């Protein structure tokens, strides 16, 4: 007899000894396990166009501007960390 079948028989035998007032609780637990085990496809979220119409298209060279902002914020962060270590 396979392990799966043996386990299933053991569970069935034990279920017969469960008090009647606890059967609904057992049923809820089994439904919960079944719900968790269902494979649901992951929802794919597309972000294409999320920045559209927010004014970025007015910037001549967006990449250059982003680099400037990163450099400035990086320097600011380094200064803050340096102050904390004093």
C-alpha atoms as a PDB file:
ATOM      1  CA  UNK A   1       0.000   0.000   0.000  1.00  0.00           C
ATOM      2  CA  UNK A   2       1.359   3.444  -0.926  1.00  0.00           C
ATOM      3  CA  UNK A   3       2.194   6.038   1.713  1.00  0.00           C
ATOM      4  CA  UNK A   4      -0.547   8.264   0.277  1.00  0.00           C
ATOM      5  CA  UNK A   5      -3.183   5.557   0.676  1.00  0.00           C
ATOM      6  CA  UNK A   6      -1.987   4.659   4.191  1.00  0.00           C
ATOM      7  CA  UNK A   7      -2.152   8.290   5.287  1.00  0.00           C
ATOM      8  CA  UNK A   8      -5.595   8.726   3.747  1.00  0.00           C
ATOM      9  CA  UNK A   9      -6.875   5.602   5.539  1.00  0.00           C
ATOM     10  CA  UNK A  10      -5.393   6.822   8.841  1.00  0.00           C
ATOM     11  CA  UNK A  11      -7.141  10.185   8.443  1.00  0.00           C
ATOM     12  CA  UNK A  12     -10.467   8.522   7.576  1.00  0.00           C
ATOM     13  CA  UNK A  13     -10.213   6.243  10.628  1.00  0.00           C
ATOM     14  CA  UNK A  14      -9.446   9.172  12.916  1.00  0.00           C
ATOM     15  CA  UNK A  15     -12.282  11.245  11.435  1.00  0.00           C
ATOM     16  CA  UNK A  16     -14.740   8.601  12.580  1.00  0.00           C
ATOM     17  CA  UNK A  17     -13.694   9.265  16.192  1.00  0.00           C
ATOM     18  CA  UNK A  18     -14.063  13.081  16.027  1.00  0.00           C
ATOM     19  CA  UNK A  19     -16.957  14.381  18.135  1.00  0.00           C
ATOM     20  CA  UNK A  20     -19.862  15.617  16.009  1.00  0.00           C
ATOM     21  CA  UNK A  21     -19.583  19.181  17.294  1.00  0.00           C
ATOM     22  CA  UNK A  22     -16.018  19.400  15.938  1.00  0.00           C
ATOM     23  CA  UNK A  23     -16.737  18.185  12.396  1.00  0.00           C
ATOM     24  CA  UNK A  24     -17.542  21.667  11.076  1.00  0.00           C
ATOM     25  CA  UNK A  25     -14.180  22.900  12.369  1.00  0.00           C
ATOM     26  CA  UNK A  26     -12.431  20.010  10.607  1.00  0.00           C
ATOM     27  CA  UNK A  27     -14.327  20.806   7.408  1.00  0.00           C
ATOM     28  CA  UNK A  28     -13.270  24.472   7.597  1.00  0.00           C
ATOM     29  CA  UNK A  29      -9.644  23.396   8.009  1.00  0.00           C
ATOM     30  CA  UNK A  30      -9.817  21.035   5.026  1.00  0.00           C
ATOM     31  CA  UNK A  31     -11.385  23.779   2.884  1.00  0.00           C
ATOM     32  CA  UNK A  32      -8.601  26.162   3.943  1.00  0.00           C
ATOM     33  CA  UNK A  33      -5.917  23.664   2.935  1.00  0.00           C
ATOM     34  CA  UNK A  34      -7.613  23.096  -0.422  1.00  0.00           C
ATOM     35  CA  UNK A  35      -7.857  26.845  -1.000  1.00  0.00           C
ATOM     36  CA  UNK A  36      -4.143  27.337  -0.242  1.00  0.00           C
ATOM     37  CA  UNK A  37      -3.100  24.492  -2.511  1.00  0.00           C
ATOM     38  CA  UNK A  38      -4.871  25.817  -5.614  1.00  0.00           C
ATOM     39  CA  UNK A  39      -2.444  27.283  -8.097  1.00  0.00           C
ATOM     40  CA  UNK A  40      -3.648  30.700  -9.126  1.00  0.00           C
ATOM     41  CA  UNK A  41      -1.882  32.480 -11.948  1.00  0.00           C
ATOM     42  CA  UNK A  42      -0.008  35.582 -10.877  1.00  0.00           C
ATOM     43  CA  UNK A  43      -1.517  38.847 -11.994  1.00  0.00           C
ATOM     44  CA  UNK A  44       0.814  40.671 -14.363  1.00  0.00           C
ATOM     45  CA  UNK A  45       0.851  44.418 -13.930  1.00  0.00           C
ATOM     46  CA  UNK A  46       2.130  46.459 -16.848  1.00  0.00           C
ATOM     47  CA  UNK A  47       3.618  49.857 -16.058  1.00  0.00           C
ATOM     48  CA  UNK A  48       3.962  50.970 -19.645  1.00  0.00           C
ATOM     49  CA  UNK A  49       2.888  54.605 -19.981  1.00  0.00           C
ATOM     50  CA  UNK A  50       2.612  55.214 -16.233  1.00  0.00           C
ATOM     51  CA  UNK A  51       4.758  58.373 -16.468  1.00  0.00           C
ATOM     52  CA  UNK A  52       3.021  59.636 -19.603  1.00  0.00           C
ATOM     53  CA  UNK A  53       1.589  63.134 -19.416  1.00  0.00           C
ATOM     54  CA  UNK A  54       3.376  64.079 -16.189  1.00  0.00           C
ATOM     55  CA  UNK A  55       5.693  66.660 -17.776  1.00  0.00           C
ATOM     56  CA  UNK A  56       8.766  64.510 -18.308  1.00  0.00           C
ATOM     57  CA  UNK A  57       8.325  64.778 -22.060  1.00  0.00           C
ATOM     58  CA  UNK A  58       9.113  68.526 -21.737  1.00  0.00           C
ATOM     59  CA  UNK A  59      12.658  67.776 -20.501  1.00  0.00           C
ATOM     60  CA  UNK A  60      15.132  67.937 -23.390  1.00  0.00           C
ATOM     61  CA  UNK A  61      17.555  65.280 -22.141  1.00  0.00           C
ATOM     62  CA  UNK A  62      15.846  63.216 -19.478  1.00  0.00           C
ATOM     63  CA  UNK A  63      18.784  60.847 -18.966  1.00  0.00           C
ATOM     64  CA  UNK A  64      21.172  63.735 -18.240  1.00  0.00           C
ATOM     65  CA  UNK A  65      18.715  65.273 -15.788  1.00  0.00           C
ATOM     66  CA  UNK A  66      18.283  61.968 -13.972  1.00  0.00           C
ATOM     67  CA  UNK A  67      22.068  61.594 -13.678  1.00  0.00           C
ATOM     68  CA  UNK A  68      22.328  65.114 -12.192  1.00  0.00           C
ATOM     69  CA  UNK A  69      19.608  64.361  -9.626  1.00  0.00           C
ATOM     70  CA  UNK A  70      21.232  61.052  -8.679  1.00  0.00           C
ATOM     71  CA  UNK A  71      24.619  62.693  -8.236  1.00  0.00           C
ATOM     72  CA  UNK A  72      23.164  65.501  -6.108  1.00  0.00           C
ATOM     73  CA  UNK A  73      21.133  63.140  -3.909  1.00  0.00           C
ATOM     74  CA  UNK A  74      24.115  60.796  -3.576  1.00  0.00           C
ATOM     75  CA  UNK A  75      26.334  63.644  -2.377  1.00  0.00           C
ATOM     76  CA  UNK A  76      23.644  64.724   0.077  1.00  0.00           C
ATOM     77  CA  UNK A  77      23.385  61.191   1.431  1.00  0.00           C
ATOM     78  CA  UNK A  78      27.169  60.914   1.829  1.00  0.00           C
ATOM     79  CA  UNK A  79      27.215  64.197   3.774  1.00  0.00           C
ATOM     80  CA  UNK A  80      24.468  62.948   6.129  1.00  0.00           C
ATOM     81  CA  UNK A  81      26.228  59.652   6.770  1.00  0.00           C
ATOM     82  CA  UNK A  82      29.490  61.489   7.356  1.00  0.00           C
ATOM     83  CA  UNK A  83      27.803  63.717   9.988  1.00  0.00           C
ATOM     84  CA  UNK A  84      26.425  60.673  11.828  1.00  0.00           C
ATOM     85  CA  UNK A  85      29.868  59.073  12.078  1.00  0.00           C
ATOM     86  CA  UNK A  86      31.455  62.109  13.749  1.00  0.00           C
END
